[in-house]
Amino acid sequence: MVKTKIVDIFVDLLGVSAEEVTEDARLIEDLAVDSLDAVELSLALEEQFSLTVEDHEIEQLQTVSDVINLIQRKLG
């Protein structure tokens, strides 16, 4: 469920297809996430999952799998 919601966020935010948002997709290289996208991603994750994502946490994310793991960890 978390993964599906995160994929939906990437699709809505970046205009990519769900097929492109694989767990091993790299945020910068494969999905072309830039600094503005990273801020928007952080806000979307916070809103969707009712939690706080710190700037330093977003900066450390490399892949979609990293995003999923961060959210799952925060949700406990």
N, C-alpha and C. Protein backbone atom coordinates (compact mmCIF):
# COMPACT_ATOMS: atom_id res chain seq x y z
N MET A 1 0.82 -1.20 0.00
CA MET A 1 0.00 0.00 0.00
C MET A 1 0.87 1.26 0.00
N VAL A 2 1.92 1.28 0.83
CA VAL A 2 2.82 2.42 0.87
C VAL A 2 3.47 2.60 -0.51
N LYS A 3 3.94 1.49 -1.08
CA LYS A 3 4.61 1.56 -2.38
C LYS A 3 3.68 2.13 -3.44
N THR A 4 2.44 1.68 -3.48
CA THR A 4 1.48 2.16 -4.47
C THR A 4 1.24 3.65 -4.34
N LYS A 5 1.10 4.12 -3.11
CA LYS A 5 0.89 5.56 -2.89
C LYS A 5 2.10 6.37 -3.32
N ILE A 6 3.30 5.83 -3.04
CA ILE A 6 4.52 6.54 -3.43
C ILE A 6 4.66 6.58 -4.94
N VAL A 7 4.37 5.48 -5.61
CA VAL A 7 4.40 5.45 -7.08
C VAL A 7 3.43 6.49 -7.62
N ASP A 8 2.24 6.56 -7.06
CA ASP A 8 1.24 7.55 -7.50
C ASP A 8 1.76 8.98 -7.32
N ILE A 9 2.46 9.23 -6.23
CA ILE A 9 3.03 10.56 -6.00
C ILE A 9 4.05 10.90 -7.09
N PHE A 10 4.93 9.95 -7.41
CA PHE A 10 5.92 10.19 -8.46
C PHE A 10 5.24 10.44 -9.81
N VAL A 11 4.22 9.66 -10.13
CA VAL A 11 3.50 9.81 -11.40
C VAL A 11 2.87 11.21 -11.47
N ASP A 12 2.19 11.61 -10.40
CA ASP A 12 1.53 12.92 -10.38
C ASP A 12 2.54 14.07 -10.40
N LEU A 13 3.60 13.92 -9.62
CA LEU A 13 4.58 15.00 -9.46
C LEU A 13 5.45 15.18 -10.69
N LEU A 14 5.91 14.07 -11.27
CA LEU A 14 6.90 14.14 -12.34
C LEU A 14 6.32 13.92 -13.73
N GLY A 15 5.08 13.43 -13.79
CA GLY A 15 4.49 13.16 -15.10
C GLY A 15 5.12 11.96 -15.79
N VAL A 16 5.65 11.02 -15.01
CA VAL A 16 6.22 9.80 -15.57
C VAL A 16 5.17 8.69 -15.48
N SER A 17 5.42 7.60 -16.18
CA SER A 17 4.48 6.48 -16.11
C SER A 17 4.79 5.63 -14.88
N ALA A 18 3.80 4.92 -14.40
CA ALA A 18 3.99 4.06 -13.24
C ALA A 18 5.04 2.98 -13.52
N GLU A 19 5.15 2.56 -14.77
CA GLU A 19 6.13 1.55 -15.14
C GLU A 19 7.57 2.04 -14.97
N GLU A 20 7.76 3.35 -15.08
CA GLU A 20 9.10 3.92 -14.90
C GLU A 20 9.52 3.99 -13.44
N VAL A 21 8.54 3.97 -12.54
CA VAL A 21 8.81 4.14 -11.11
C VAL A 21 9.02 2.77 -10.47
N THR A 22 10.16 2.16 -10.80
CA THR A 22 10.52 0.88 -10.20
C THR A 22 11.30 1.14 -8.92
N GLU A 23 11.41 0.13 -8.08
CA GLU A 23 12.12 0.32 -6.81
C GLU A 23 13.58 0.68 -7.01
N ASP A 24 14.17 0.20 -8.10
CA ASP A 24 15.59 0.51 -8.33
C ASP A 24 15.81 1.75 -9.20
N ALA A 25 14.72 2.43 -9.57
CA ALA A 25 14.85 3.66 -10.36
C ALA A 25 15.56 4.72 -9.52
N ARG A 26 16.61 5.31 -10.10
CA ARG A 26 17.35 6.36 -9.41
C ARG A 26 16.62 7.69 -9.59
N LEU A 27 16.51 8.43 -8.51
CA LEU A 27 15.71 9.66 -8.53
C LEU A 27 16.25 10.67 -9.53
N ILE A 28 17.54 10.94 -9.48
CA ILE A 28 18.11 11.98 -10.34
C ILE A 28 18.34 11.45 -11.75
N GLU A 29 19.02 10.34 -11.85
CA GLU A 29 19.44 9.83 -13.16
C GLU A 29 18.29 9.28 -13.99
N ASP A 30 17.38 8.52 -13.36
CA ASP A 30 16.31 7.85 -14.11
C ASP A 30 15.01 8.66 -14.16
N LEU A 31 14.69 9.35 -13.07
CA LEU A 31 13.42 10.06 -13.00
C LEU A 31 13.57 11.57 -13.12
N ALA A 32 14.80 12.04 -13.24
CA ALA A 32 15.10 13.47 -13.44
C ALA A 32 14.54 14.36 -12.34
N VAL A 33 14.64 13.89 -11.10
CA VAL A 33 14.21 14.69 -9.95
C VAL A 33 15.24 15.79 -9.73
N ASP A 34 14.79 17.04 -9.72
CA ASP A 34 15.68 18.16 -9.43
C ASP A 34 15.38 18.68 -8.02
N SER A 35 16.03 19.75 -7.62
CA SER A 35 15.87 20.24 -6.25
C SER A 35 14.44 20.69 -5.95
N LEU A 36 13.79 21.31 -6.91
CA LEU A 36 12.40 21.72 -6.71
C LEU A 36 11.49 20.50 -6.59
N ASP A 37 11.73 19.50 -7.43
CA ASP A 37 10.96 18.26 -7.34
C ASP A 37 11.14 17.60 -5.98
N ALA A 38 12.36 17.66 -5.45
CA ALA A 38 12.65 17.06 -4.15
C ALA A 38 11.83 17.73 -3.04
N VAL A 39 11.72 19.05 -3.10
CA VAL A 39 10.91 19.77 -2.13
C VAL A 39 9.44 19.38 -2.27
N GLU A 40 8.96 19.33 -3.50
CA GLU A 40 7.58 18.96 -3.75
C GLU A 40 7.31 17.51 -3.33
N LEU A 41 8.29 16.64 -3.55
CA LEU A 41 8.17 15.25 -3.13
C LEU A 41 8.04 15.17 -1.61
N SER A 42 8.89 15.91 -0.93
CA SER A 42 8.85 15.93 0.53
C SER A 42 7.48 16.38 1.03
N LEU A 43 6.96 17.45 0.46
CA LEU A 43 5.65 17.96 0.87
C LEU A 43 4.54 16.96 0.58
N ALA A 44 4.61 16.32 -0.58
CA ALA A 44 3.58 15.34 -0.96
C ALA A 44 3.62 14.13 -0.03
N LEU A 45 4.83 13.68 0.32
CA LEU A 45 4.95 12.55 1.24
C LEU A 45 4.41 12.91 2.62
N GLU A 46 4.74 14.11 3.08
CA GLU A 46 4.25 14.55 4.39
C GLU A 46 2.72 14.60 4.41
N GLU A 47 2.15 15.12 3.35
CA GLU A 47 0.69 15.24 3.28
C GLU A 47 0.03 13.86 3.16
N GLN A 48 0.54 13.03 2.30
CA GLN A 48 -0.05 11.71 2.06
C GLN A 48 0.00 10.82 3.31
N PHE A 49 1.13 10.85 4.02
CA PHE A 49 1.33 9.93 5.12
C PHE A 49 1.26 10.58 6.50
N SER A 50 0.93 11.86 6.55
CA SER A 50 0.79 12.59 7.82
C SER A 50 2.01 12.43 8.72
N LEU A 51 3.17 12.75 8.15
CA LEU A 51 4.42 12.68 8.89
C LEU A 51 5.34 13.80 8.44
N THR A 52 6.48 13.92 9.10
CA THR A 52 7.45 14.96 8.76
C THR A 52 8.67 14.33 8.10
N VAL A 53 9.08 14.90 6.97
CA VAL A 53 10.29 14.46 6.29
C VAL A 53 11.27 15.62 6.33
N GLU A 54 12.40 15.40 6.97
CA GLU A 54 13.41 16.44 7.11
C GLU A 54 14.19 16.62 5.80
N ASP A 55 14.70 17.82 5.58
CA ASP A 55 15.48 18.11 4.38
C ASP A 55 16.67 17.16 4.22
N HIS A 56 17.37 16.90 5.31
CA HIS A 56 18.55 16.02 5.22
C HIS A 56 18.15 14.59 4.84
N GLU A 57 16.94 14.18 5.20
CA GLU A 57 16.47 12.84 4.82
C GLU A 57 16.22 12.77 3.32
N ILE A 58 15.60 13.80 2.78
CA ILE A 58 15.33 13.84 1.34
C ILE A 58 16.65 13.87 0.56
N GLU A 59 17.61 14.62 1.04
CA GLU A 59 18.90 14.73 0.35
C GLU A 59 19.64 13.40 0.26
N GLN A 60 19.38 12.49 1.19
CA GLN A 60 20.07 11.20 1.23
C GLN A 60 19.43 10.15 0.32
N LEU A 61 18.23 10.41 -0.16
CA LEU A 61 17.51 9.42 -0.96
C LEU A 61 18.11 9.31 -2.36
N GLN A 62 18.35 8.09 -2.79
CA GLN A 62 18.95 7.86 -4.10
C GLN A 62 17.98 7.16 -5.06
N THR A 63 17.16 6.27 -4.52
CA THR A 63 16.27 5.46 -5.36
C THR A 63 14.84 5.50 -4.81
N VAL A 64 13.93 5.00 -5.61
CA VAL A 64 12.54 4.89 -5.17
C VAL A 64 12.47 3.97 -3.95
N SER A 65 13.27 2.92 -3.94
CA SER A 65 13.32 2.01 -2.80
C SER A 65 13.72 2.75 -1.53
N ASP A 66 14.65 3.69 -1.63
CA ASP A 66 15.04 4.50 -0.47
C ASP A 66 13.85 5.29 0.07
N VAL A 67 13.05 5.83 -0.83
CA VAL A 67 11.86 6.60 -0.43
C VAL A 67 10.88 5.68 0.30
N ILE A 68 10.63 4.52 -0.28
CA ILE A 68 9.70 3.56 0.33
C ILE A 68 10.19 3.16 1.73
N ASN A 69 11.48 2.85 1.83
CA ASN A 69 12.04 2.44 3.13
C ASN A 69 11.95 3.55 4.16
N LEU A 70 12.21 4.79 3.76
CA LEU A 70 12.11 5.92 4.68
C LEU A 70 10.69 6.04 5.23
N ILE A 71 9.72 6.00 4.36
CA ILE A 71 8.33 6.15 4.79
C ILE A 71 7.91 4.99 5.67
N GLN A 72 8.26 3.78 5.30
CA GLN A 72 7.91 2.61 6.12
C GLN A 72 8.54 2.70 7.50
N ARG A 73 9.79 3.16 7.57
CA ARG A 73 10.47 3.33 8.84
C ARG A 73 9.75 4.37 9.70
N LYS A 74 9.35 5.47 9.09
CA LYS A 74 8.67 6.54 9.83
C LYS A 74 7.28 6.12 10.29
N LEU A 75 6.63 5.28 9.52
CA LEU A 75 5.30 4.82 9.89
C LEU A 75 5.36 3.75 10.98
N GLY A 76 6.56 3.18 11.16
CA GLY A 76 6.76 2.19 12.23
C GLY A 76 6.27 0.85 11.82
